Structures are given as structure tokens and as C-alpha cells.
Amino acid sequence: MKKVIMEIYEKIIADKKKNKKSFALLIDPDRQNAKELISIIKKAEKNNVDYFFVGGSLLTNNNLDECLDTIKQNSKIPVVLFPGNAMQVNNKADGILFLSLISGRNADMLIGKQVITAPILKQSTLEVMPTGYILVDSGKPTTASYMSNTTPIPHDKNDVASCTALAGEMLGLKMIFMDGGSGAYNPISEEMIKKTSNSINIPLIIGGGINSGKKAKSNCLAGADIIVVGDAIEKDDSLIAEISNAIHN
């Protein structure tokens, strides 16, 4: 088994110490054909995107392998798997967010699926980053909440979100990912981000409903370390430049 060096996580930690914010572009292999994907990759390279997060709740077309090949052939940006299920493990990526859904009460998503995936990851070359995944109500049911059979944290319950993140940190998780879900009506509030960020010392990832540079910037100022955008870019990939500039400046 190849020894895996924690290069991605070490960079995330180093950036957090310097208060340097990062931009992760979420790629759902089900939603892009090769031509569209290459166009997005080129814009990501040009505009200093920090990471590609790759994954989806379903992956009905079984084209994760092809998607990773396309990214790797056209970019040097680190590729991190954002798996929707235990089957989305692929050594062509650089790392994986090993997610535990800590906002819900579904034992299968908290630890059950991870037990199945752990021995596979042990034999892989992927950098494994244990991540507490927190779903926040976005004003409509999302694929993530439906597929996980869990209830998101209410949009205005900042204390619940911050205490959930704190519990995740105390349990040994290395990052917290708060997500409103794909196409969220109501993005996670700056108040919730700030309270959560102030309660933990590990990196905080924010995603869901971020569709402008202004929104990305306000999330960074509230305490987000990594901003994840996917759905908005699928609709208008010209936003890559706007959002990247807002995050990095």
C-alpha cells in the first residue's frame, strides 16, 4: 500500500492559519458532457480555482472515471472526491472528503456507510480527510436531505449548528462542511457561519446557494475557509471569475 501524504489537508490548514480563503468548484459527473467540462476546467485554471470537488448524490451515468480522467488530463488543480455514497471511491482523484453526516440522526450516514468504505480507502492512494457534514435547511427539500433521509438543521438555529460542529471537532473530525444543498433557495446565513466558525478551530467549508461574488465574499468575512460552488456555475460558468476574484481578494 502506497503511503499517502496529507498534502491537501496540510495546505488547507496552512491557508487557514494565514486567513487565506479558498475556492472549490463542485463538479457533478452526471451534469456535464466532456465539452462543457473542459470549458469549465479551462476557466478554473485561468481564474485560480483552488480545488475541484467531484461527486453527486446519485451518479446515474457511471461516468465518474471519465470525469476524473478529463480533469486530470487538462488541469493540475487538486481533485477531491465529495462522495454521495460508498461506491464513489476512485484512485484517480487526489483525496476524498470522508463524510459523516452529523446533523441528522441516520446511523447509516453517521457511521454505517463509512464502515463499508473504510477498508477500501485503506488500500487506496487517496488522501482521506475526515469531515463532519452538516445539512442546513435551505427553504426546499434537497437531493442530499432526501437521499440521506435526514432533517436539516433549521435555517435560524445558529446554536444548534455551532454545537453540532463543535461536537464533530471534539469527536476528531478534521473539517466541517456546512451545506444548504444544490440550488438552495436560502444560502446559509452569515450569522450561522460566524457563530460556527467562532466555535471551532478546524477548517469550515460552506456550500449551497452561493451564486455571486458578493455572497462568496460575505461568507468568507463571516468565517468560511473554503467556498464551494457548483449549481450556479453549471448555469453560468462566467461566474467562476467573479467568485474567484471575490474570494481571493
Protein backbone atom coordinates (compact mmCIF):
# COMPACT_ATOMS: atom_id res chain seq x y z
CA MET A 1 0.00 0.00 0.00
CA LYS A 2 1.35 3.38 -1.01
CA LYS A 3 1.96 5.81 1.84
CA VAL A 4 -0.41 8.74 1.43
CA ILE A 5 1.00 12.19 2.19
CA MET A 6 -1.52 14.64 3.65
CA GLU A 7 -0.63 17.41 1.21
CA ILE A 8 -4.12 18.79 0.60
CA TYR A 9 -5.14 18.94 4.24
CA GLU A 10 -1.80 20.45 5.26
CA LYS A 11 -2.34 23.19 2.65
CA ILE A 12 -5.87 23.84 3.94
CA ILE A 13 -4.55 24.15 7.49
CA ALA A 14 -1.68 26.41 6.40
CA ASP A 15 -4.10 28.64 4.49
CA LYS A 16 -6.42 28.85 7.49
CA LYS A 17 -3.55 29.98 9.71
CA LYS A 18 -2.83 32.76 7.19
CA ASN A 19 -6.55 33.59 6.88
CA LYS A 20 -6.28 32.74 3.19
CA LYS A 21 -9.61 31.71 1.70
CA SER A 22 -10.07 29.00 -0.94
CA PHE A 23 -12.47 28.32 -3.80
CA ALA A 24 -13.63 24.76 -4.54
CA LEU A 25 -15.53 24.14 -7.75
CA LEU A 26 -18.06 21.32 -7.41
CA ILE A 27 -18.34 19.05 -10.43
CA ASP A 28 -21.24 16.60 -10.70
CA PRO A 29 -20.24 13.99 -13.31
CA ASP A 30 -23.90 13.44 -14.19
CA ARG A 31 -24.43 17.04 -15.26
CA GLN A 32 -21.58 17.81 -17.68
CA ASN A 33 -20.59 16.41 -21.03
CA ALA A 34 -16.90 16.37 -21.97
CA LYS A 35 -17.03 19.64 -23.94
CA GLU A 36 -18.76 21.55 -21.13
CA LEU A 37 -16.39 20.08 -18.55
CA ILE A 38 -13.26 21.08 -20.48
CA SER A 39 -14.60 24.63 -20.82
CA ILE A 40 -15.15 24.81 -17.04
CA ILE A 41 -11.70 23.35 -16.36
CA LYS A 42 -10.01 25.96 -18.56
CA LYS A 43 -11.83 28.78 -16.78
CA ALA A 44 -10.97 27.26 -13.42
CA GLU A 45 -7.27 27.16 -14.34
CA LYS A 46 -7.35 30.71 -15.64
CA ASN A 47 -9.07 32.05 -12.53
CA ASN A 48 -7.03 30.29 -9.83
CA VAL A 49 -9.64 27.87 -8.51
CA ASP A 50 -8.02 26.03 -5.60
CA TYR A 51 -9.78 22.65 -5.70
CA PHE A 52 -12.16 20.54 -7.71
CA PHE A 53 -14.71 18.71 -5.56
CA VAL A 54 -16.17 15.84 -7.61
CA GLY A 55 -19.28 13.86 -6.80
CA GLY A 56 -23.05 13.78 -6.67
CA SER A 57 -25.92 12.26 -4.75
CA LEU A 58 -26.73 9.73 -7.46
CA LEU A 59 -24.22 9.40 -10.36
CA THR A 60 -26.73 7.62 -12.58
CA ASN A 61 -24.47 7.52 -15.64
CA ASN A 62 -21.49 5.79 -14.00
CA ASN A 63 -19.10 8.30 -15.58
CA LEU A 64 -17.05 9.30 -12.53
CA ASP A 65 -13.99 7.63 -14.03
CA GLU A 66 -14.28 9.53 -17.31
CA CYS A 67 -14.88 12.81 -15.47
CA LEU A 68 -11.73 12.36 -13.37
CA ASP A 69 -9.70 11.47 -16.47
CA THR A 70 -10.85 14.66 -18.20
CA ILE A 71 -9.96 16.85 -15.21
CA LYS A 72 -6.56 15.22 -14.71
CA GLN A 73 -5.66 15.49 -18.39
CA ASN A 74 -6.49 19.19 -18.51
CA SER A 75 -5.59 20.58 -15.09
CA LYS A 76 -3.16 20.44 -12.20
CA ILE A 77 -5.76 21.64 -9.66
CA PRO A 78 -6.13 19.08 -6.83
CA VAL A 79 -9.17 16.85 -7.18
CA VAL A 80 -11.09 15.87 -4.05
CA LEU A 81 -13.96 13.39 -4.07
CA PHE A 82 -17.19 14.63 -2.48
CA PRO A 83 -18.95 11.26 -2.39
CA GLY A 84 -22.70 10.83 -2.36
CA ASN A 85 -22.36 7.16 -1.45
CA ALA A 86 -19.84 4.43 -0.60
CA MET A 87 -19.36 3.49 -4.25
CA GLN A 88 -17.86 6.86 -5.23
CA VAL A 89 -14.24 5.96 -4.48
CA ASN A 90 -11.69 6.31 -7.25
CA ASN A 91 -7.88 6.44 -7.08
CA LYS A 92 -7.69 8.86 -9.99
CA ALA A 93 -8.61 11.65 -7.56
CA ASP A 94 -6.08 13.10 -5.12
CA GLY A 95 -8.16 12.97 -1.98
CA ILE A 96 -11.60 12.33 -0.52
CA LEU A 97 -13.84 14.03 2.00
CA PHE A 98 -14.66 11.08 4.26
CA LEU A 99 -18.06 12.38 5.27
CA SER A 100 -20.03 11.69 8.41
CA LEU A 101 -23.49 13.28 8.36
CA ILE A 102 -23.51 14.68 11.88
CA SER A 103 -26.55 16.95 11.54
CA GLY A 104 -29.00 14.06 11.14
CA ARG A 105 -29.97 11.03 13.19
CA ASN A 106 -29.48 8.42 10.48
CA ALA A 107 -26.91 5.95 11.85
CA ASP A 108 -26.21 4.63 8.36
CA MET A 109 -24.96 8.06 7.20
CA LEU A 110 -23.22 8.76 10.50
CA ILE A 111 -21.10 5.57 10.60
CA GLY A 112 -22.74 2.67 8.71
CA LYS A 113 -21.62 3.52 5.17
CA GLN A 114 -18.20 4.55 6.47
CA VAL A 115 -17.62 1.05 7.87
CA ILE A 116 -18.14 -0.34 4.36
CA THR A 117 -15.90 2.26 2.72
CA ALA A 118 -13.04 2.30 5.27
CA PRO A 119 -11.24 -0.90 4.14
CA ILE A 120 -11.48 0.26 0.51
CA LEU A 121 -9.91 3.60 1.41
CA LYS A 122 -7.24 1.85 3.47
CA GLN A 123 -6.00 0.19 0.29
CA SER A 124 -6.32 3.30 -1.87
CA THR A 125 -3.87 6.07 -2.65
CA LEU A 126 -6.38 8.75 -1.74
CA GLU A 127 -5.69 11.33 0.94
CA VAL A 128 -8.54 10.73 3.40
CA MET A 129 -9.92 13.81 5.16
CA PRO A 130 -12.50 13.01 7.88
CA THR A 131 -15.20 15.66 7.52
CA GLY A 132 -18.32 16.41 9.53
CA TYR A 133 -21.16 17.08 7.09
CA ILE A 134 -23.93 19.40 8.30
CA LEU A 135 -27.05 19.93 6.22
CA VAL A 136 -28.83 23.25 6.77
CA ASP A 137 -32.42 23.90 5.70
CA SER A 138 -32.39 25.96 2.51
CA GLY A 139 -36.11 26.56 2.08
CA LYS A 140 -36.83 23.49 -0.03
CA PRO A 141 -36.17 19.73 0.08
CA THR A 142 -32.81 18.91 -1.48
CA THR A 143 -31.42 15.75 -3.04
CA ALA A 144 -28.95 15.46 -0.17
CA SER A 145 -31.62 15.59 2.55
CA TYR A 146 -33.91 13.23 0.64
CA MET A 147 -31.22 10.65 -0.14
CA SER A 148 -29.82 10.74 3.40
CA ASN A 149 -33.30 10.50 4.97
CA THR A 150 -32.41 13.21 7.48
CA THR A 151 -33.85 16.52 8.61
CA PRO A 152 -31.54 19.52 8.02
CA ILE A 153 -30.77 21.95 10.82
CA PRO A 154 -33.33 24.81 10.72
CA HIS A 155 -32.04 27.87 8.92
CA ASP A 156 -32.22 30.11 12.00
CA LYS A 157 -30.87 27.69 14.63
CA ASN A 158 -27.33 29.04 14.85
CA ASP A 159 -26.68 27.49 18.27
CA VAL A 160 -27.63 24.02 17.04
CA ALA A 161 -25.31 24.35 14.04
CA SER A 162 -22.35 25.64 16.07
CA CYS A 163 -22.75 22.99 18.78
CA THR A 164 -23.04 20.26 16.14
CA ALA A 165 -19.81 21.46 14.53
CA LEU A 166 -18.10 21.65 17.92
CA ALA A 167 -19.16 18.08 18.70
CA GLY A 168 -17.73 16.98 15.35
CA GLU A 169 -14.40 18.62 16.17
CA MET A 170 -14.33 17.04 19.63
CA LEU A 171 -15.01 13.64 18.06
CA GLY A 172 -11.84 14.07 16.00
CA LEU A 173 -13.18 15.16 12.62
CA LYS A 174 -10.68 17.30 10.71
CA MET A 175 -13.08 19.67 8.88
CA ILE A 176 -16.70 20.78 8.95
CA PHE A 177 -18.73 21.13 5.74
CA MET A 178 -21.98 23.08 6.16
CA ASP A 179 -24.18 22.71 3.10
CA GLY A 180 -27.52 24.16 2.07
CA GLY A 181 -27.72 21.64 -0.77
CA SER A 182 -27.73 22.03 -4.52
CA GLY A 183 -29.69 25.04 -5.73
CA ALA A 184 -30.53 26.21 -2.22
CA TYR A 185 -33.23 28.90 -2.04
CA ASN A 186 -31.79 30.34 1.16
CA PRO A 187 -27.99 30.19 1.47
CA ILE A 188 -26.56 29.60 4.93
CA SER A 189 -26.70 32.88 6.83
CA GLU A 190 -23.61 34.88 7.71
CA GLU A 191 -24.75 34.76 11.35
CA MET A 192 -24.70 30.95 11.37
CA ILE A 193 -21.33 30.85 9.62
CA LYS A 194 -19.83 33.32 12.08
CA LYS A 195 -21.13 31.54 15.17
CA THR A 196 -19.97 28.17 13.88
CA SER A 197 -16.56 29.47 12.82
CA ASN A 198 -16.04 31.05 16.23
CA SER A 199 -16.89 27.79 17.98
CA ILE A 200 -14.33 25.56 16.21
CA ASN A 201 -10.65 25.59 15.35
CA ILE A 202 -10.79 23.30 12.32
CA PRO A 203 -11.45 24.47 8.73
CA LEU A 204 -15.04 25.38 7.84
CA ILE A 205 -16.34 24.63 4.34
CA ILE A 206 -19.52 26.37 3.16
CA GLY A 207 -21.68 25.44 0.16
CA GLY A 208 -25.21 25.74 -1.18
CA GLY A 209 -26.89 28.68 -2.88
CA ILE A 210 -23.75 30.77 -3.41
CA ASN A 211 -24.42 32.44 -6.75
CA SER A 212 -22.42 35.68 -6.73
CA GLY A 213 -19.05 37.10 -5.80
CA LYS A 214 -20.74 39.29 -3.19
CA LYS A 215 -22.27 36.29 -1.43
CA ALA A 216 -18.98 34.36 -1.54
CA LYS A 217 -17.10 37.33 -0.08
CA SER A 218 -19.60 37.83 2.75
CA ASN A 219 -19.32 34.14 3.65
CA CYS A 220 -15.53 34.44 3.78
CA LEU A 221 -15.74 37.50 6.01
CA ALA A 222 -18.15 35.60 8.29
CA GLY A 223 -15.58 32.84 8.80
CA ALA A 224 -15.73 30.35 5.93
CA ASP A 225 -12.34 28.91 4.95
CA ILE A 226 -13.43 27.20 1.72
CA ILE A 227 -16.32 28.27 -0.50
CA VAL A 228 -17.93 25.54 -2.63
CA VAL A 229 -19.94 26.46 -5.72
CA GLY A 230 -21.48 24.04 -8.19
CA ASP A 231 -25.06 24.63 -9.26
CA ALA A 232 -24.57 28.32 -10.08
CA ILE A 233 -21.51 27.55 -12.23
CA GLU A 234 -23.45 24.89 -14.15
CA LYS A 235 -25.97 27.59 -15.08
CA ASP A 236 -23.40 30.32 -15.82
CA ASP A 237 -19.71 29.41 -15.86
CA SER A 238 -18.76 33.08 -16.27
CA LEU A 239 -19.32 33.29 -12.51
CA ILE A 240 -16.05 31.41 -11.95
CA ALA A 241 -14.01 34.58 -12.48
CA GLU A 242 -16.33 36.76 -10.37
CA ILE A 243 -16.47 34.37 -7.43
CA SER A 244 -12.76 33.52 -7.51
CA ASN A 245 -11.82 37.19 -7.54
CA ALA A 246 -14.13 37.89 -4.58
CA ILE A 247 -12.71 35.02 -2.53
CA HIS A 248 -9.04 35.68 -3.23
CA ASN A 249 -9.04 39.48 -2.93
